[in-house]
Amino acid sequence: MAPLRTTLRARLTLLYVSLLSIVLVLYAASTSIFLWQGLLGEMDLSLERDLETVENLIALTPDGSIAVNTGDQEGVLLLEVEKFCICFQQ
Protein backbone atom coordinates (compact mmCIF):
# COMPACT_ATOMS: atom_id res chain seq x y z
CA MET A 1 0.00 0.00 0.00
CA ALA A 2 1.32 3.43 -0.89
CA PRO A 3 1.80 6.01 1.91
CA LEU A 4 -1.01 8.52 2.25
CA ARG A 5 0.06 11.86 0.82
CA THR A 6 -1.64 15.01 1.97
CA THR A 7 -1.72 18.24 0.10
CA LEU A 8 -0.24 21.47 1.33
CA ARG A 9 -3.73 22.89 1.69
CA ALA A 10 -4.81 20.03 4.01
CA ARG A 11 -1.66 20.34 6.16
CA LEU A 12 -2.06 24.13 6.51
CA THR A 13 -5.74 23.70 7.40
CA LEU A 14 -4.85 21.15 10.06
CA LEU A 15 -2.13 23.46 11.43
CA TYR A 16 -4.46 26.46 11.61
CA VAL A 17 -7.26 24.44 13.23
CA SER A 18 -4.78 23.13 15.83
CA LEU A 19 -3.45 26.62 16.59
CA LEU A 20 -6.95 28.05 16.89
CA SER A 21 -7.94 25.21 19.23
CA ILE A 22 -4.93 25.86 21.45
CA VAL A 23 -5.66 29.58 21.60
CA LEU A 24 -9.32 28.98 22.47
CA VAL A 25 -8.43 26.51 25.23
CA LEU A 26 -5.90 28.96 26.71
CA TYR A 27 -8.46 31.77 26.56
CA ALA A 28 -11.14 29.67 28.26
CA ALA A 29 -8.75 28.52 30.99
CA SER A 30 -7.45 32.03 31.73
CA THR A 31 -10.97 33.48 31.80
CA SER A 32 -12.17 30.75 34.14
CA ILE A 33 -9.23 31.30 36.50
CA PHE A 34 -9.80 35.07 36.49
CA LEU A 35 -13.51 34.72 37.27
CA TRP A 36 -12.84 32.09 39.96
CA GLN A 37 -10.37 34.37 41.73
CA GLY A 38 -12.85 37.25 41.62
CA LEU A 39 -15.61 35.07 43.02
CA LEU A 40 -13.41 33.89 45.88
CA GLY A 41 -12.43 37.46 46.70
CA GLU A 42 -16.04 38.62 46.80
CA MET A 43 -17.03 35.67 48.96
CA ASP A 44 -14.21 36.45 51.42
CA LEU A 45 -15.34 40.07 51.70
CA SER A 46 -18.94 39.01 52.24
CA LEU A 47 -17.95 36.56 54.96
CA GLU A 48 -15.80 39.19 56.70
CA ARG A 49 -18.71 41.65 56.70
CA ASP A 50 -21.08 39.02 58.09
CA LEU A 51 -18.58 38.07 60.80
CA GLU A 52 -18.13 41.72 61.85
CA THR A 53 -21.91 42.13 62.03
CA VAL A 54 -22.29 39.08 64.23
CA GLU A 55 -19.36 40.11 66.43
CA ASN A 56 -21.00 43.49 67.01
CA LEU A 57 -24.29 41.86 68.02
CA ILE A 58 -22.95 39.28 70.48
CA ALA A 59 -21.50 39.94 73.94
CA LEU A 60 -20.73 37.74 76.93
CA THR A 61 -22.50 38.61 80.16
CA PRO A 62 -20.89 38.22 83.61
CA ASP A 63 -22.94 35.11 84.38
CA GLY A 64 -21.50 33.23 81.35
CA SER A 65 -24.42 33.53 78.96
CA ILE A 66 -24.42 35.23 75.59
CA ALA A 67 -26.30 38.50 75.13
CA VAL A 68 -27.63 39.29 71.68
CA ASN A 69 -28.34 42.96 71.14
CA THR A 70 -31.60 43.43 69.25
CA GLY A 71 -31.17 47.18 68.77
CA ASP A 72 -32.96 48.57 71.79
CA GLN A 73 -31.59 48.59 75.34
CA GLU A 74 -34.52 46.69 76.85
CA GLY A 75 -34.65 43.96 74.22
CA VAL A 76 -31.51 42.00 75.04
CA LEU A 77 -31.95 38.28 74.70
CA LEU A 78 -29.96 36.05 76.99
CA LEU A 79 -29.05 32.73 75.45
CA GLU A 80 -27.17 29.79 76.90
CA VAL A 81 -23.52 29.37 75.89
CA GLU A 82 -24.03 25.69 75.05
CA LYS A 83 -26.36 26.53 72.15
CA PHE A 84 -23.63 28.49 70.39
CA CYS A 85 -20.52 26.49 71.30
CA ILE A 86 -20.81 24.29 68.23
CA CYS A 87 -21.09 27.29 65.89
CA PHE A 88 -18.12 29.13 67.35
CA GLN A 89 -15.86 26.07 67.48
CA GLN A 90 -15.94 25.68 63.71
C-alpha atoms as a PDB file:
ATOM      1  CA  MET A   1       0.000   0.000   0.000  1.00  0.00           C
ATOM      2  CA  ALA A   2       1.320   3.426  -0.885  1.00  0.00           C
ATOM      3  CA  PRO A   3       1.801   6.013   1.915  1.00  0.00           C
ATOM      4  CA  LEU A   4      -1.008   8.520   2.246  1.00  0.00           C
ATOM      5  CA  ARG A   5       0.061  11.859   0.819  1.00  0.00           C
ATOM      6  CA  THR A   6      -1.635  15.009   1.970  1.00  0.00           C
ATOM      7  CA  THR A   7      -1.719  18.239   0.101  1.00  0.00           C
ATOM      8  CA  LEU A   8      -0.239  21.472   1.331  1.00  0.00           C
ATOM      9  CA  ARG A   9      -3.735  22.885   1.693  1.00  0.00           C
ATOM     10  CA  ALA A  10      -4.806  20.035   4.013  1.00  0.00           C
ATOM     11  CA  ARG A  11      -1.657  20.340   6.155  1.00  0.00           C
ATOM     12  CA  LEU A  12      -2.065  24.127   6.513  1.00  0.00           C
ATOM     13  CA  THR A  13      -5.741  23.699   7.401  1.00  0.00           C
ATOM     14  CA  LEU A  14      -4.850  21.146  10.063  1.00  0.00           C
ATOM     15  CA  LEU A  15      -2.131  23.463  11.429  1.00  0.00           C
ATOM     16  CA  TYR A  16      -4.464  26.461  11.612  1.00  0.00           C
ATOM     17  CA  VAL A  17      -7.258  24.443  13.235  1.00  0.00           C
ATOM     18  CA  SER A  18      -4.780  23.132  15.825  1.00  0.00           C
ATOM     19  CA  LEU A  19      -3.450  26.624  16.589  1.00  0.00           C
ATOM     20  CA  LEU A  20      -6.952  28.052  16.888  1.00  0.00           C
ATOM     21  CA  SER A  21      -7.945  25.206  19.232  1.00  0.00           C
ATOM     22  CA  ILE A  22      -4.930  25.862  21.450  1.00  0.00           C
ATOM     23  CA  VAL A  23      -5.662  29.584  21.597  1.00  0.00           C
ATOM     24  CA  LEU A  24      -9.320  28.975  22.474  1.00  0.00           C
ATOM     25  CA  VAL A  25      -8.428  26.508  25.233  1.00  0.00           C
ATOM     26  CA  LEU A  26      -5.895  28.957  26.712  1.00  0.00           C
ATOM     27  CA  TYR A  27      -8.459  31.770  26.564  1.00  0.00           C
ATOM     28  CA  ALA A  28     -11.142  29.669  28.256  1.00  0.00           C
ATOM     29  CA  ALA A  29      -8.749  28.524  30.990  1.00  0.00           C
ATOM     30  CA  SER A  30      -7.449  32.027  31.735  1.00  0.00           C
ATOM     31  CA  THR A  31     -10.973  33.483  31.801  1.00  0.00           C
ATOM     32  CA  SER A  32     -12.169  30.746  34.145  1.00  0.00           C
ATOM     33  CA  ILE A  33      -9.235  31.300  36.503  1.00  0.00           C
ATOM     34  CA  PHE A  34      -9.795  35.070  36.494  1.00  0.00           C
ATOM     35  CA  LEU A  35     -13.511  34.720  37.269  1.00  0.00           C
ATOM     36  CA  TRP A  36     -12.845  32.089  39.957  1.00  0.00           C
ATOM     37  CA  GLN A  37     -10.369  34.370  41.735  1.00  0.00           C
ATOM     38  CA  GLY A  38     -12.855  37.254  41.615  1.00  0.00           C
ATOM     39  CA  LEU A  39     -15.606  35.072  43.022  1.00  0.00           C
ATOM     40  CA  LEU A  40     -13.407  33.887  45.884  1.00  0.00           C
ATOM     41  CA  GLY A  41     -12.430  37.464  46.700  1.00  0.00           C
ATOM     42  CA  GLU A  42     -16.044  38.621  46.798  1.00  0.00           C
ATOM     43  CA  MET A  43     -17.026  35.671  48.963  1.00  0.00           C
ATOM     44  CA  ASP A  44     -14.207  36.450  51.421  1.00  0.00           C
ATOM     45  CA  LEU A  45     -15.342  40.071  51.695  1.00  0.00           C
ATOM     46  CA  SER A  46     -18.938  39.007  52.238  1.00  0.00           C
ATOM     47  CA  LEU A  47     -17.951  36.556  54.959  1.00  0.00           C
ATOM     48  CA  GLU A  48     -15.804  39.187  56.703  1.00  0.00           C
ATOM     49  CA  ARG A  49     -18.712  41.654  56.699  1.00  0.00           C
ATOM     50  CA  ASP A  50     -21.076  39.022  58.093  1.00  0.00           C
ATOM     51  CA  LEU A  51     -18.580  38.075  60.799  1.00  0.00           C
ATOM     52  CA  GLU A  52     -18.134  41.718  61.846  1.00  0.00           C
ATOM     53  CA  THR A  53     -21.907  42.134  62.032  1.00  0.00           C
ATOM     54  CA  VAL A  54     -22.288  39.076  64.234  1.00  0.00           C
ATOM     55  CA  GLU A  55     -19.355  40.114  66.428  1.00  0.00           C
ATOM     56  CA  ASN A  56     -20.997  43.495  67.013  1.00  0.00           C
ATOM     57  CA  LEU A  57     -24.289  41.864  68.019  1.00  0.00           C
ATOM     58  CA  ILE A  58     -22.949  39.277  70.484  1.00  0.00           C
ATOM     59  CA  ALA A  59     -21.505  39.935  73.938  1.00  0.00           C
ATOM     60  CA  LEU A  60     -20.729  37.736  76.931  1.00  0.00           C
ATOM     61  CA  THR A  61     -22.504  38.607  80.161  1.00  0.00           C
ATOM     62  CA  PRO A  62     -20.886  38.221  83.607  1.00  0.00           C
ATOM     63  CA  ASP A  63     -22.943  35.111  84.384  1.00  0.00           C
ATOM     64  CA  GLY A  64     -21.495  33.228  81.353  1.00  0.00           C
ATOM     65  CA  SER A  65     -24.418  33.525  78.962  1.00  0.00           C
ATOM     66  CA  ILE A  66     -24.421  35.233  75.593  1.00  0.00           C
ATOM     67  CA  ALA A  67     -26.297  38.500  75.125  1.00  0.00           C
ATOM     68  CA  VAL A  68     -27.630  39.287  71.677  1.00  0.00           C
ATOM     69  CA  ASN A  69     -28.340  42.964  71.138  1.00  0.00           C
ATOM     70  CA  THR A  70     -31.599  43.433  69.246  1.00  0.00           C
ATOM     71  CA  GLY A  71     -31.174  47.175  68.766  1.00  0.00           C
ATOM     72  CA  ASP A  72     -32.964  48.574  71.791  1.00  0.00           C
ATOM     73  CA  GLN A  73     -31.586  48.587  75.339  1.00  0.00           C
ATOM     74  CA  GLU A  74     -34.516  46.685  76.849  1.00  0.00           C
ATOM     75  CA  GLY A  75     -34.652  43.961  74.216  1.00  0.00           C
ATOM     76  CA  VAL A  76     -31.509  42.003  75.041  1.00  0.00           C
ATOM     77  CA  LEU A  77     -31.952  38.284  74.698  1.00  0.00           C
ATOM     78  CA  LEU A  78     -29.957  36.050  76.991  1.00  0.00           C
ATOM     79  CA  LEU A  79     -29.046  32.733  75.447  1.00  0.00           C
ATOM     80  CA  GLU A  80     -27.172  29.795  76.904  1.00  0.00           C
ATOM     81  CA  VAL A  81     -23.525  29.372  75.888  1.00  0.00           C
ATOM     82  CA  GLU A  82     -24.031  25.690  75.047  1.00  0.00           C
ATOM     83  CA  LYS A  83     -26.356  26.526  72.152  1.00  0.00           C
ATOM     84  CA  PHE A  84     -23.631  28.492  70.387  1.00  0.00           C
ATOM     85  CA  CYS A  85     -20.522  26.488  71.299  1.00  0.00           C
ATOM     86  CA  ILE A  86     -20.812  24.293  68.234  1.00  0.00           C
ATOM     87  CA  CYS A  87     -21.091  27.288  65.886  1.00  0.00           C
ATOM     88  CA  PHE A  88     -18.116  29.131  67.353  1.00  0.00           C
ATOM     89  CA  GLN A  89     -15.856  26.074  67.481  1.00  0.00           C
ATOM     90  CA  GLN A  90     -15.940  25.680  63.709  1.00  0.00           C
END
